[in-house]
Amino acid sequence: MAELDETSSVSFEPADKKTISKYVKIAVIMGVVTTIEFVFAIFLPRGPLLYFTFIALTFVKAFYIVAEFMHLKGEVKTLIWSILIPLIFIVWLIIALLAEGASIFSLKF
């Protein structure tokens, strides 16, 4: 039978400290934006300003996630626009359908 070596150990060394610092920076930025959202949720009165602020900060976080984790930050601008323009039209479509549905609902009832 083979003997086991009891003196072996496992150590973890970060492969690339630059990459780790990049992810820490991303986490800090996301944490700051989330903290701002939380503070606004507590102190701002409910209304259009608060809702617009939440939507804007959500877009900031979504853009940052897509740019960093999907690696679109360094891509060609044409590729970025080919993703953004359909997204803008889809958001516009959803808003238009909600407005039209509300209008039809108010006419029927």
Foldseek 3Di string as FASTA:
>chain_A
DDDDDPPDDDDDDDPDVVVVVVVVVLVVVVVVLVVVLVVCVPPPDDDDVNVVSVVVSVVVNVVSCCCPVVVCVPPDVVVVCVVVVVVVVVVVVVVVVVVVVVVVVVVVD
